[in-house]
Amino acid sequence: MSKRGFFIVFEGVDGGGKSTQIKLLTEYLEEKGYDVEHHMEPTHGQIGNLLWNYMRSKNRSFTPETEALLFAADRIEHGNIIKEALNEGKAVISDRYLHSSLAYQGAAGVDAAWMKKLNKHALKPDLVILLDIDPDESLERVQDRARTVFEENEYLKKVRSEYLSYAENGELVVIDACRAIDQVHAEILTYVSKLF
């Protein structure tokens, strides 16, 4: 029986457990017989690699509007790859997507309506999960690795607030990421199971 592909996105500040939960969800879906593809934004395409180099540079030299444009351009390229996988009946799980731009660049003052217009052709996910965590705790969790230009406490508090505003609009489901890993996973499955 051929299965319909679906597109799930994990959002949230770093340190919220996205990688762990993506791994657990992948195992669950594979047990259900799905072929799972992992994606991330920025991608590792030409524009995505430019963004990775920028984020690791520690020098926030672009305006937030330029950042938003670059992320949107990377997302257009990314969308073509996602569509291909979905057409093959695969489950696509992406670590970040449109709401990362809306939250991170939105927290820096970029107009949300303008960003939504830039991304109007972006593929709509079947489910967007926000792993919500207080930035104080998230930064503590990631202190052993190099930070990106976006990981400053006060800024991340604004980012979290932006994410939660989109959740209030019903664009994302919020899951408390401060709990035990298995509890978070179990709650994720309650939403994912509705996609079958």
Protein backbone atom coordinates (compact mmCIF):
# COMPACT_ATOMS: atom_id res chain seq x y z
CA MET A 1 0.00 0.00 0.00
CA SER A 2 1.49 3.37 -0.94
CA LYS A 3 1.48 5.89 1.87
CA ARG A 4 0.90 9.61 1.43
CA GLY A 5 3.96 11.63 2.29
CA PHE A 6 3.74 14.34 4.94
CA PHE A 7 5.86 17.24 6.10
CA ILE A 8 6.60 17.87 9.79
CA VAL A 9 8.64 20.81 11.11
CA PHE A 10 10.31 21.20 14.50
CA GLU A 11 10.82 24.77 15.71
CA GLY A 12 12.22 26.45 18.81
CA VAL A 13 15.40 27.97 20.19
CA ASP A 14 18.49 25.72 20.22
CA GLY A 15 18.72 23.52 23.30
CA GLY A 16 15.03 22.58 23.20
CA GLY A 17 15.77 19.01 22.17
CA LYS A 18 14.88 19.16 18.46
CA SER A 19 17.63 16.71 17.40
CA THR A 20 16.64 14.16 20.07
CA GLN A 21 12.94 14.35 19.27
CA ILE A 22 13.54 14.16 15.50
CA LYS A 23 15.56 10.97 16.06
CA LEU A 24 12.80 9.40 18.20
CA LEU A 25 10.08 10.40 15.75
CA THR A 26 12.11 8.99 12.85
CA GLU A 27 12.39 5.62 14.61
CA TYR A 28 8.63 5.63 15.27
CA LEU A 29 7.75 6.46 11.65
CA GLU A 30 10.17 3.90 10.26
CA GLU A 31 8.50 1.26 12.44
CA LYS A 32 5.23 2.35 10.81
CA GLY A 33 6.76 1.65 7.40
CA TYR A 34 7.60 5.19 6.33
CA ASP A 35 10.71 6.18 4.44
CA VAL A 36 11.87 9.27 6.39
CA GLU A 37 13.98 12.14 5.07
CA HIS A 38 15.71 14.60 7.40
CA HIS A 39 16.00 18.23 6.35
CA MET A 40 17.17 21.41 8.03
CA GLU A 41 17.31 25.15 7.53
CA PRO A 42 19.56 26.69 6.60
CA THR A 43 20.06 23.88 4.07
CA HIS A 44 23.46 22.77 2.82
CA GLY A 45 22.81 24.20 -0.64
CA GLN A 46 24.71 27.22 -1.99
CA ILE A 47 22.61 29.85 -0.21
CA GLY A 48 22.30 27.72 2.91
CA ASN A 49 26.07 27.32 3.19
CA LEU A 50 26.49 31.09 2.93
CA LEU A 51 24.06 31.40 5.87
CA TRP A 52 25.89 28.75 7.93
CA ASN A 53 29.19 30.59 7.44
CA TYR A 54 27.51 33.85 8.42
CA MET A 55 25.89 32.40 11.55
CA ARG A 56 29.19 30.93 12.74
CA SER A 57 31.13 34.13 12.03
CA LYS A 58 30.08 35.77 15.34
CA ASN A 59 29.67 39.01 13.40
CA ARG A 60 26.07 40.00 12.72
CA SER A 61 26.97 42.16 9.75
CA PHE A 62 23.81 41.73 7.63
CA THR A 63 20.70 43.72 8.39
CA PRO A 64 17.84 41.54 9.71
CA GLU A 65 16.02 42.26 6.40
CA THR A 66 18.96 40.83 4.43
CA GLU A 67 18.92 37.77 6.69
CA ALA A 68 15.20 37.33 5.99
CA LEU A 69 15.78 37.58 2.23
CA LEU A 70 18.57 35.00 2.31
CA PHE A 71 16.56 32.55 4.41
CA ALA A 72 13.58 32.99 2.05
CA ALA A 73 15.81 32.33 -0.99
CA ASP A 74 17.22 29.19 0.66
CA ARG A 75 13.64 28.07 1.47
CA ILE A 76 12.57 28.33 -2.19
CA GLU A 77 15.36 25.92 -3.15
CA HIS A 78 14.54 23.71 -0.16
CA GLY A 79 10.85 23.51 -1.12
CA ASN A 80 11.64 21.81 -4.42
CA ILE A 81 13.52 19.04 -2.62
CA ILE A 82 10.71 18.59 -0.07
CA LYS A 83 8.06 18.35 -2.83
CA GLU A 84 10.06 15.65 -4.58
CA ALA A 85 10.25 13.58 -1.38
CA LEU A 86 6.54 14.02 -0.63
CA ASN A 87 5.64 12.94 -4.16
CA GLU A 88 7.56 9.73 -3.47
CA GLY A 89 5.41 9.14 -0.37
CA LYS A 90 8.19 9.95 2.11
CA ALA A 91 7.80 11.54 5.52
CA VAL A 92 9.90 14.71 5.63
CA ILE A 93 11.03 16.06 9.00
CA SER A 94 12.71 19.46 8.96
CA ASP A 95 14.70 21.02 11.77
CA ARG A 96 13.46 24.61 11.29
CA TYR A 97 11.47 26.18 8.46
CA LEU A 98 9.40 29.34 7.87
CA HIS A 99 8.62 30.11 11.52
CA SER A 100 12.34 30.35 12.30
CA SER A 101 12.52 33.38 10.00
CA LEU A 102 9.32 34.85 11.42
CA ALA A 103 10.58 34.41 14.99
CA TYR A 104 14.30 35.23 14.68
CA GLN A 105 14.12 38.08 12.17
CA GLY A 106 10.80 39.20 13.66
CA ALA A 107 12.51 39.53 17.04
CA ALA A 108 15.03 41.83 15.32
CA GLY A 109 12.21 44.08 14.10
CA VAL A 110 11.53 42.80 10.57
CA ASP A 111 7.92 43.26 9.46
CA ALA A 112 6.07 39.93 9.70
CA ALA A 113 3.65 40.74 6.85
CA TRP A 114 6.60 41.46 4.54
CA MET A 115 8.29 38.17 5.50
CA LYS A 116 5.07 36.22 4.93
CA LYS A 117 4.80 37.82 1.49
CA LEU A 118 8.42 36.85 0.72
CA ASN A 119 7.58 33.28 1.69
CA LYS A 120 4.13 33.07 0.11
CA HIS A 121 5.22 30.19 -2.13
CA ALA A 122 6.82 28.24 0.73
CA LEU A 123 5.38 24.76 1.10
CA LYS A 124 2.88 24.51 3.95
CA PRO A 125 3.84 21.84 6.51
CA ASP A 126 1.27 19.33 7.73
CA LEU A 127 2.41 19.92 11.31
CA VAL A 128 4.67 22.50 12.99
CA ILE A 129 5.84 21.60 16.50
CA LEU A 130 7.30 24.25 18.79
CA LEU A 131 9.53 22.71 21.46
CA ASP A 132 9.18 25.50 23.97
CA ILE A 133 11.91 26.20 26.51
CA ASP A 134 13.02 29.24 28.48
CA PRO A 135 16.18 30.73 26.90
CA ASP A 136 18.01 30.65 30.26
CA GLU A 137 17.70 26.86 30.27
CA SER A 138 18.29 26.45 26.54
CA LEU A 139 21.59 28.37 26.64
CA GLU A 140 22.70 26.29 29.61
CA ARG A 141 22.01 23.13 27.58
CA VAL A 142 24.12 24.33 24.62
CA GLN A 143 26.98 25.96 26.56
CA ASP A 144 29.47 23.27 25.51
CA ARG A 145 29.25 24.07 21.83
CA ALA A 146 29.97 27.14 19.71
CA ARG A 147 27.12 29.63 19.62
CA THR A 148 25.75 31.28 16.50
CA VAL A 149 25.22 35.01 15.99
CA PHE A 150 21.59 34.53 17.09
CA GLU A 151 22.23 33.02 20.52
CA GLU A 152 22.10 35.89 23.00
CA ASN A 153 19.79 35.60 26.01
CA GLU A 154 17.75 38.81 25.67
CA TYR A 155 17.34 38.30 21.93
CA LEU A 156 16.23 34.68 22.42
CA LYS A 157 13.57 35.84 24.89
CA LYS A 158 12.11 37.99 22.11
CA VAL A 159 12.41 35.04 19.69
CA ARG A 160 10.47 32.81 22.11
CA SER A 161 7.80 35.47 22.46
CA GLU A 162 7.48 35.65 18.65
CA TYR A 163 7.12 31.87 18.41
CA LEU A 164 4.41 31.85 21.09
CA SER A 165 2.47 34.57 19.27
CA TYR A 166 2.28 32.33 16.17
CA ALA A 167 1.20 29.43 18.38
CA GLU A 168 -1.66 31.60 19.67
CA ASN A 169 -2.74 32.05 16.03
CA GLY A 170 -2.88 28.27 15.68
CA GLU A 171 0.12 28.08 13.32
CA LEU A 172 2.17 25.81 15.62
CA VAL A 173 1.48 23.35 18.43
CA VAL A 174 3.39 24.09 21.63
CA ILE A 175 5.06 21.32 23.59
CA ASP A 176 6.84 21.97 26.89
CA ALA A 177 10.41 20.86 26.18
CA CYS A 178 11.53 21.10 29.82
CA ARG A 179 10.02 17.72 30.69
CA ALA A 180 11.51 14.22 30.40
CA ILE A 181 12.41 13.16 26.84
CA ASP A 182 9.88 10.31 26.79
CA GLN A 183 7.05 12.60 27.95
CA VAL A 184 7.84 15.10 25.18
CA HIS A 185 8.00 12.26 22.62
CA ALA A 186 4.65 10.84 23.77
CA GLU A 187 2.96 14.23 23.35
CA ILE A 188 4.50 14.68 19.88
CA LEU A 189 3.01 11.32 18.85
CA THR A 190 -0.50 12.46 19.82
CA TYR A 191 -0.24 15.13 17.10
CA VAL A 192 1.66 13.05 14.54
CA SER A 193 -0.80 10.14 14.74
CA LYS A 194 -3.53 12.47 13.45
CA LEU A 195 -1.64 12.71 10.13
CA PHE A 196 -2.08 9.02 9.29
